Every structure is written in C-alpha cells, then in structure tokens.
C-alpha cells in the first residue's frame, strides 16, 4: 500500500478518490510476497536458473531477507498502480477522442 500511495501522490491524484486502487495494489503486493516466500515463484523459475548454472539454494536464502521482500512488495504496489493509471488514462483519452469525433460529424 505504501508503493500505491506514493505512486498516486506522484501522479497528483487525491488518495481518497483512489482508495480501492490502494487496497487492490496492496493485495497484489501481499500476494507477491506470499508467492515468493512459499517458493511458488522459485519453482516456476528454477528450470531457467539451472540452465544458467545458478544455484537455487542461493536464491532461496537471499529472498528470505525481510527488507528485500519489503522492497519487492513496495515495487509491486507501485507497478500495479502505475499500470492501472496508465490504462485508465489511455481509456479516458480514447473516450474523449471518440466523443469529439462523434460531435464533429
């Protein structure tokens, strides 16, 4: 949620208006945290890591650090918020263009 709030503040949008976005981005970050800690992500990536001669034990041990996981969760929250804002802005632009072209005819 910290990443989502900071990204909304950077965009210049009122946080109160986007409270559902903050909550949903926080949930996405929590699910990413759970996915990494449970090893699901590693089991998906492990075959590719083994092809690159990377030891999966090193990856598992480095992801157990609390601060690293917190940083990943903040980045996921910022990314999901940024993705939503980008798509929302494009939809508004397309809607505005189509309404303007409809009134011009």
Protein backbone atom coordinates (compact mmCIF):
# COMPACT_ATOMS: atom_id res chain seq x y z
CA UNK A 1 0.00 0.00 0.00
CA UNK A 2 2.95 2.31 0.60
CA UNK A 3 4.02 1.93 -3.03
CA UNK A 4 0.49 2.55 -4.28
CA UNK A 5 0.04 5.68 -2.18
CA UNK A 6 3.41 7.07 -3.22
CA UNK A 7 2.67 6.44 -6.91
CA UNK A 8 -0.74 8.11 -6.62
CA UNK A 9 0.84 11.11 -4.91
CA UNK A 10 3.45 11.34 -7.67
CA UNK A 11 0.62 11.32 -10.25
CA UNK A 12 -1.07 14.21 -8.44
CA UNK A 13 -4.31 12.36 -7.77
CA UNK A 14 -6.17 12.55 -4.47
CA UNK A 15 -5.59 9.36 -2.49
CA UNK A 16 -9.12 9.40 -1.06
CA UNK A 17 -10.59 9.12 -4.57
CA UNK A 18 -8.44 6.08 -5.32
CA UNK A 19 -8.84 4.14 -2.07
CA UNK A 20 -9.95 0.96 -3.87
CA UNK A 21 -6.83 1.18 -6.05
CA UNK A 22 -4.64 1.46 -2.96
CA UNK A 23 -6.29 -1.57 -1.37
CA UNK A 24 -6.10 -3.68 -4.53
CA UNK A 25 -2.44 -2.77 -5.12
CA UNK A 26 -1.71 -3.67 -1.51
CA UNK A 27 -3.34 -7.05 -2.03
CA UNK A 28 -1.29 -7.65 -5.19
CA UNK A 29 1.86 -6.84 -3.24
CA UNK A 30 0.80 -9.19 -0.43
CA UNK A 31 0.13 -11.98 -2.90
CA UNK A 32 3.53 -11.45 -4.50
CA UNK A 33 5.12 -11.64 -1.03
CA UNK A 34 3.30 -14.91 -0.33
CA UNK A 35 4.20 -16.29 -3.75
CA UNK A 36 7.88 -15.59 -3.25
CA UNK A 37 8.04 -16.80 0.36
CA UNK A 38 6.14 -20.02 -0.41
CA UNK A 39 8.56 -20.92 -3.18
CA UNK A 40 5.97 -20.93 -5.95
CA UNK A 41 7.88 -18.33 -7.93
CA UNK A 42 11.13 -20.23 -7.49
CA UNK A 43 9.55 -23.47 -8.69
CA UNK A 44 8.44 -21.67 -11.86
CA UNK A 45 11.82 -20.02 -12.45
CA UNK A 46 14.04 -22.91 -11.23
CA UNK A 47 14.41 -24.72 -14.59
CA UNK A 48 15.61 -21.49 -16.20
CA UNK A 49 18.02 -20.80 -13.36
CA UNK A 50 19.52 -24.28 -13.62
CA UNK A 51 20.15 -23.73 -17.34
CA UNK A 52 22.15 -20.63 -16.40
CA UNK A 53 24.14 -22.55 -13.73
CA UNK A 54 22.61 -20.57 -10.84
CA UNK A 55 22.25 -22.46 -7.56
CA UNK A 56 18.62 -22.30 -6.38
CA UNK A 57 19.69 -22.52 -2.73
CA UNK A 58 21.42 -19.15 -3.04
CA UNK A 59 18.26 -17.63 -4.48
CA UNK A 60 16.12 -19.10 -1.71
CA UNK A 61 18.37 -17.80 1.03
CA UNK A 62 18.68 -14.32 -0.44
CA UNK A 63 14.91 -13.91 -0.70
CA UNK A 64 14.40 -14.64 2.99
CA UNK A 65 15.67 -11.20 3.93
CA UNK A 66 12.80 -9.09 5.29
CA UNK A 67 14.00 -5.82 3.81
CA UNK A 68 14.39 -7.30 0.35
CA UNK A 69 10.87 -8.68 0.50
CA UNK A 70 9.54 -5.33 1.69
CA UNK A 71 11.22 -3.57 -1.20
CA UNK A 72 9.78 -6.09 -3.65
CA UNK A 73 6.29 -5.57 -2.19
CA UNK A 74 6.61 -1.78 -2.49
CA UNK A 75 7.74 -2.08 -6.12
CA UNK A 76 4.86 -4.44 -6.92
CA UNK A 77 2.41 -1.97 -5.38
CA UNK A 78 3.90 0.89 -7.38
CA UNK A 79 3.94 -1.14 -10.60
CA UNK A 80 0.34 -2.31 -10.32
CA UNK A 81 -0.81 1.23 -9.52
CA UNK A 82 1.20 2.62 -12.41
CA UNK A 83 -0.29 0.04 -14.77
CA UNK A 84 -3.83 0.91 -13.68
CA UNK A 85 -3.22 4.66 -14.00
CA UNK A 86 -1.69 4.23 -17.46
CA UNK A 87 -4.59 2.13 -18.74
CA UNK A 88 -7.15 4.45 -17.17
CA UNK A 89 -5.53 7.48 -18.79
CA UNK A 90 -5.48 5.80 -22.22
CA UNK A 91 -9.15 4.81 -21.92
CA UNK A 92 -10.08 8.38 -21.00
CA UNK A 93 -8.12 9.71 -23.98
CA UNK A 94 -9.77 7.26 -26.37
CA UNK A 95 -13.21 8.04 -24.96
CA UNK A 96 -12.59 11.76 -25.32
CA UNK A 97 -11.36 11.33 -28.91
CA UNK A 98 -14.32 9.19 -29.90
CA UNK A 99 -16.79 11.63 -28.33
CA UNK A 100 -15.14 14.57 -30.09
CA UNK A 101 -15.15 12.79 -33.45
CA UNK A 102 -18.81 11.89 -32.90
CA UNK A 103 -19.76 15.52 -32.32
CA UNK A 104 -17.73 16.72 -35.31
CA UNK A 105 -19.82 14.69 -37.77
